[in-house]
Amino acid sequence: MSESNGFKGNKAGLACKTCAVCGRPMTWRRAWARHWAEVRYCSHACRRRSRVRA
């Protein structure tokens, strides 16, 4: 089974971002593959907290 992004089990090679709310590092996930550029929050909880702040 070959993945299109070249992932072979080494998570160090995956793209990373920091969460806009809590600052935790987020690693690329297959579920986010189609919209990785728009991903800003690490979880639903952080997404809710961002709305409370604004």
PDB file of N, CA and C in Angstrom:
ATOM      1  N   MET A   1       0.836  -1.180   0.000  1.00  0.00           N
ATOM      2  CA  MET A   1       0.000   0.000   0.000  1.00  0.00           C
ATOM      3  C   MET A   1       0.880   1.242   0.000  1.00  0.00           C
ATOM      4  N   SER A   2       0.846   1.992  -1.027  1.00  0.00           N
ATOM      5  CA  SER A   2       1.689   3.176  -1.173  1.00  0.00           C
ATOM      6  C   SER A   2       0.859   4.446  -1.016  1.00  0.00           C
ATOM      7  N   GLU A   3       1.325   5.360  -0.202  1.00  0.00           N
ATOM      8  CA  GLU A   3       0.620   6.629   0.008  1.00  0.00           C
ATOM      9  C   GLU A   3       1.124   7.652  -1.015  1.00  0.00           C
ATOM     10  N   SER A   4       0.280   8.570  -1.412  1.00  0.00           N
ATOM     11  CA  SER A   4       0.646   9.555  -2.424  1.00  0.00           C
ATOM     12  C   SER A   4       1.616  10.606  -1.916  1.00  0.00           C
ATOM     13  N   ASN A   5       1.667  10.857  -0.593  1.00  0.00           N
ATOM     14  CA  ASN A   5       2.557  11.895  -0.075  1.00  0.00           C
ATOM     15  C   ASN A   5       3.914  11.344   0.330  1.00  0.00           C
ATOM     16  N   GLY A   6       4.167  10.047   0.137  1.00  0.00           N
ATOM     17  CA  GLY A   6       5.451   9.465   0.445  1.00  0.00           C
ATOM     18  C   GLY A   6       5.644   9.089   1.896  1.00  0.00           C
ATOM     19  N   PHE A   7       4.608   9.114   2.703  1.00  0.00           N
ATOM     20  CA  PHE A   7       4.704   8.792   4.120  1.00  0.00           C
ATOM     21  C   PHE A   7       4.988   7.304   4.284  1.00  0.00           C
ATOM     22  N   LYS A   8       6.067   6.981   4.978  1.00  0.00           N
ATOM     23  CA  LYS A   8       6.454   5.590   5.184  1.00  0.00           C
ATOM     24  C   LYS A   8       6.493   5.228   6.662  1.00  0.00           C
ATOM     25  N   GLY A   9       5.817   5.979   7.518  1.00  0.00           N
ATOM     26  CA  GLY A   9       5.801   5.684   8.937  1.00  0.00           C
ATOM     27  C   GLY A   9       6.691   6.595   9.760  1.00  0.00           C
ATOM     28  N   ASN A  10       7.459   7.485   9.130  1.00  0.00           N
ATOM     29  CA  ASN A  10       8.334   8.408   9.837  1.00  0.00           C
ATOM     30  C   ASN A  10       7.618   9.751   9.975  1.00  0.00           C
ATOM     31  N   LYS A  11       7.084  10.026  11.165  1.00  0.00           N
ATOM     32  CA  LYS A  11       6.300  11.243  11.367  1.00  0.00           C
ATOM     33  C   LYS A  11       7.147  12.510  11.339  1.00  0.00           C
ATOM     34  N   ALA A  12       8.452  12.401  11.456  1.00  0.00           N
ATOM     35  CA  ALA A  12       9.319  13.575  11.417  1.00  0.00           C
ATOM     36  C   ALA A  12       9.282  14.251  10.049  1.00  0.00           C
ATOM     37  N   GLY A  13       8.926  13.517   9.007  1.00  0.00           N
ATOM     38  CA  GLY A  13       8.881  14.068   7.661  1.00  0.00           C
ATOM     39  C   GLY A  13       7.573  14.742   7.305  1.00  0.00           C
ATOM     40  N   LEU A  14       6.581  14.721   8.196  1.00  0.00           N
ATOM     41  CA  LEU A  14       5.281  15.318   7.907  1.00  0.00           C
ATOM     42  C   LEU A  14       5.278  16.820   8.191  1.00  0.00           C
ATOM     43  N   ALA A  15       4.425  17.532   7.500  1.00  0.00           N
ATOM     44  CA  ALA A  15       4.305  18.981   7.694  1.00  0.00           C
ATOM     45  C   ALA A  15       3.717  19.283   9.070  1.00  0.00           C
ATOM     46  N   CYS A  16       4.107  20.420   9.654  1.00  0.00           N
ATOM     47  CA  CYS A  16       3.623  20.818  10.973  1.00  0.00           C
ATOM     48  C   CYS A  16       3.147  22.261  10.956  1.00  0.00           C
ATOM     49  N   LYS A  17       2.215  22.569  11.850  1.00  0.00           N
ATOM     50  CA  LYS A  17       1.711  23.929  12.089  1.00  0.00           C
ATOM     51  C   LYS A  17       1.483  24.061  13.580  1.00  0.00           C
ATOM     52  N   THR A  18       1.281  25.285  14.053  1.00  0.00           N
ATOM     53  CA  THR A  18       0.900  25.480  15.448  1.00  0.00           C
ATOM     54  C   THR A  18      -0.550  25.931  15.511  1.00  0.00           C
ATOM     55  N   CYS A  19      -1.245  25.501  16.545  1.00  0.00           N
ATOM     56  CA  CYS A  19      -2.644  25.853  16.741  1.00  0.00           C
ATOM     57  C   CYS A  19      -2.745  27.353  17.026  1.00  0.00           C
ATOM     58  N   ALA A  20      -3.726  28.009  16.432  1.00  0.00           N
ATOM     59  CA  ALA A  20      -3.913  29.448  16.593  1.00  0.00           C
ATOM     60  C   ALA A  20      -4.368  29.831  17.994  1.00  0.00           C
ATOM     61  N   VAL A  21      -4.915  28.888  18.770  1.00  0.00           N
ATOM     62  CA  VAL A  21      -5.445  29.183  20.094  1.00  0.00           C
ATOM     63  C   VAL A  21      -4.472  28.761  21.193  1.00  0.00           C
ATOM     64  N   CYS A  22      -4.095  27.478  21.202  1.00  0.00           N
ATOM     65  CA  CYS A  22      -3.294  26.960  22.315  1.00  0.00           C
ATOM     66  C   CYS A  22      -1.798  26.912  22.021  1.00  0.00           C
ATOM     67  N   GLY A  23      -1.411  27.022  20.755  1.00  0.00           N
ATOM     68  CA  GLY A  23       0.002  27.027  20.400  1.00  0.00           C
ATOM     69  C   GLY A  23       0.650  25.657  20.310  1.00  0.00           C
ATOM     70  N   ARG A  24      -0.124  24.594  20.439  1.00  0.00           N
ATOM     71  CA  ARG A  24       0.429  23.241  20.325  1.00  0.00           C
ATOM     72  C   ARG A  24       0.780  22.938  18.876  1.00  0.00           C
ATOM     73  N   PRO A  25       1.825  22.144  18.667  1.00  0.00           N
ATOM     74  CA  PRO A  25       2.157  21.758  17.292  1.00  0.00           C
ATOM     75  C   PRO A  25       1.159  20.733  16.758  1.00  0.00           C
ATOM     76  N   MET A  26       0.759  20.912  15.512  1.00  0.00           N
ATOM     77  CA  MET A  26      -0.142  19.976  14.846  1.00  0.00           C
ATOM     78  C   MET A  26       0.619  19.349  13.695  1.00  0.00           C
ATOM     79  N   THR A  27       0.534  18.055  13.576  1.00  0.00           N
ATOM     80  CA  THR A  27       1.170  17.333  12.482  1.00  0.00           C
ATOM     81  C   THR A  27       0.128  17.020  11.428  1.00  0.00           C
ATOM     82  N   TRP A  28       0.546  17.030  10.172  1.00  0.00           N
ATOM     83  CA  TRP A  28      -0.345  16.732   9.053  1.00  0.00           C
ATOM     84  C   TRP A  28      -1.064  15.419   9.295  1.00  0.00           C
ATOM     85  N   ARG A  29      -2.352  15.391   8.974  1.00  0.00           N
ATOM     86  CA  ARG A  29      -3.166  14.175   9.070  1.00  0.00           C
ATOM     87  C   ARG A  29      -3.804  13.903   7.723  1.00  0.00           C
ATOM     88  N   ARG A  30      -4.012  12.654   7.451  1.00  0.00           N
ATOM     89  CA  ARG A  30      -4.624  12.285   6.183  1.00  0.00           C
ATOM     90  C   ARG A  30      -6.008  12.908   6.032  1.00  0.00           C
ATOM     91  N   ALA A  31      -6.742  13.031   7.132  1.00  0.00           N
ATOM     92  CA  ALA A  31      -8.083  13.627   7.097  1.00  0.00           C
ATOM     93  C   ALA A  31      -8.030  15.100   6.679  1.00  0.00           C
ATOM     94  N   TRP A  32      -6.890  15.756   6.928  1.00  0.00           N
ATOM     95  CA  TRP A  32      -6.732  17.169   6.577  1.00  0.00           C
ATOM     96  C   TRP A  32      -6.074  17.364   5.209  1.00  0.00           C
ATOM     97  N   ALA A  33      -5.832  16.323   4.480  1.00  0.00           N
ATOM     98  CA  ALA A  33      -5.072  16.392   3.229  1.00  0.00           C
ATOM     99  C   ALA A  33      -5.658  17.377   2.219  1.00  0.00           C
ATOM    100  N   ARG A  34      -6.974  17.390   2.084  1.00  0.00           N
ATOM    101  CA  ARG A  34      -7.606  18.253   1.073  1.00  0.00           C
ATOM    102  C   ARG A  34      -7.642  19.720   1.459  1.00  0.00           C
ATOM    103  N   HIS A  35      -7.595  20.023   2.758  1.00  0.00           N
ATOM    104  CA  HIS A  35      -7.712  21.415   3.195  1.00  0.00           C
ATOM    105  C   HIS A  35      -6.645  21.788   4.227  1.00  0.00           C
ATOM    106  N   TRP A  36      -5.446  21.266   4.093  1.00  0.00           N
ATOM    107  CA  TRP A  36      -4.359  21.542   5.031  1.00  0.00           C
ATOM    108  C   TRP A  36      -4.052  23.036   5.118  1.00  0.00           C
ATOM    109  N   ALA A  37      -4.177  23.761   4.047  1.00  0.00           N
ATOM    110  CA  ALA A  37      -3.876  25.202   4.051  1.00  0.00           C
ATOM    111  C   ALA A  37      -4.849  25.984   4.936  1.00  0.00           C
ATOM    112  N   GLU A  38      -6.073  25.485   5.108  1.00  0.00           N
ATOM    113  CA  GLU A  38      -7.074  26.180   5.915  1.00  0.00           C
ATOM    114  C   GLU A  38      -7.117  25.733   7.374  1.00  0.00           C
ATOM    115  N   VAL A  39      -6.417  24.672   7.725  1.00  0.00           N
ATOM    116  CA  VAL A  39      -6.445  24.150   9.096  1.00  0.00           C
ATOM    117  C   VAL A  39      -5.773  25.148  10.030  1.00  0.00           C
ATOM    118  N   ARG A  40      -6.491  25.575  11.095  1.00  0.00           N
ATOM    119  CA  ARG A  40      -5.958  26.551  12.047  1.00  0.00           C
ATOM    120  C   ARG A  40      -5.982  26.060  13.486  1.00  0.00           C
ATOM    121  N   TYR A  41      -6.857  25.103  13.791  1.00  0.00           N
ATOM    122  CA  TYR A  41      -7.049  24.666  15.166  1.00  0.00           C
ATOM    123  C   TYR A  41      -6.750  23.180  15.302  1.00  0.00           C
ATOM    124  N   CYS A  42      -6.232  22.785  16.474  1.00  0.00           N
ATOM    125  CA  CYS A  42      -5.865  21.384  16.701  1.00  0.00           C
ATOM    126  C   CYS A  42      -7.059  20.529  17.083  1.00  0.00           C
ATOM    127  N   SER A  43      -8.142  21.140  17.552  1.00  0.00           N
ATOM    128  CA  SER A  43      -9.292  20.369  18.018  1.00  0.00           C
ATOM    129  C   SER A  43     -10.566  21.201  17.944  1.00  0.00           C
ATOM    130  N   HIS A  44     -11.682  20.531  18.152  1.00  0.00           N
ATOM    131  CA  HIS A  44     -12.967  21.240  18.196  1.00  0.00           C
ATOM    132  C   HIS A  44     -13.017  22.174  19.404  1.00  0.00           C
ATOM    133  N   ALA A  45     -12.389  21.778  20.489  1.00  0.00           N
ATOM    134  CA  ALA A  45     -12.363  22.619  21.694  1.00  0.00           C
ATOM    135  C   ALA A  45     -11.657  23.942  21.411  1.00  0.00           C
ATOM    136  N   CYS A  46     -10.538  23.908  20.721  1.00  0.00           N
ATOM    137  CA  CYS A  46      -9.830  25.149  20.380  1.00  0.00           C
ATOM    138  C   CYS A  46     -10.636  25.995  19.400  1.00  0.00           C
ATOM    139  N   ARG A  47     -11.346  25.359  18.490  1.00  0.00           N
ATOM    140  CA  ARG A  47     -12.203  26.102  17.556  1.00  0.00           C
ATOM    141  C   ARG A  47     -13.287  26.861  18.334  1.00  0.00           C
ATOM    142  N   ARG A  48     -13.898  26.209  19.333  1.00  0.00           N
ATOM    143  CA  ARG A  48     -14.915  26.870  20.157  1.00  0.00           C
ATOM    144  C   ARG A  48     -14.312  28.004  20.969  1.00  0.00           C
ATOM    145  N   ARG A  49     -13.128  27.796  21.532  1.00  0.00           N
ATOM    146  CA  ARG A  49     -12.479  28.848  22.322  1.00  0.00           C
ATOM    147  C   ARG A  49     -12.146  30.064  21.475  1.00  0.00           C
ATOM    148  N   SER A  50     -11.838  29.879  20.206  1.00  0.00           N
ATOM    149  CA  SER A  50     -11.525  31.020  19.337  1.00  0.00           C
ATOM    150  C   SER A  50     -12.746  31.906  19.146  1.00  0.00           C
ATOM    151  N   ARG A  51     -13.927  31.314  19.106  1.00  0.00           N
ATOM    152  CA  ARG A  51     -15.172  32.085  18.956  1.00  0.00           C
ATOM    153  C   ARG A  51     -15.483  32.870  20.224  1.00  0.00           C
ATOM    154  N   VAL A  52     -15.146  32.323  21.381  1.00  0.00           N
ATOM    155  CA  VAL A  52     -15.392  32.996  22.653  1.00  0.00           C
ATOM    156  C   VAL A  52     -14.505  34.225  22.780  1.00  0.00           C
ATOM    157  N   ARG A  53     -13.262  34.106  22.327  1.00  0.00           N
ATOM    158  CA  ARG A  53     -12.298  35.224  22.401  1.00  0.00           C
ATOM    159  C   ARG A  53     -12.718  36.421  21.565  1.00  0.00           C
ATOM    160  N   ALA A  54     -13.256  36.144  20.374  1.00  0.00           N
ATOM    161  CA  ALA A  54     -13.581  37.206  19.417  1.00  0.00           C
ATOM    162  C   ALA A  54     -14.768  38.045  19.830  1.00  0.00           C
TER     163      ALA A  54
END
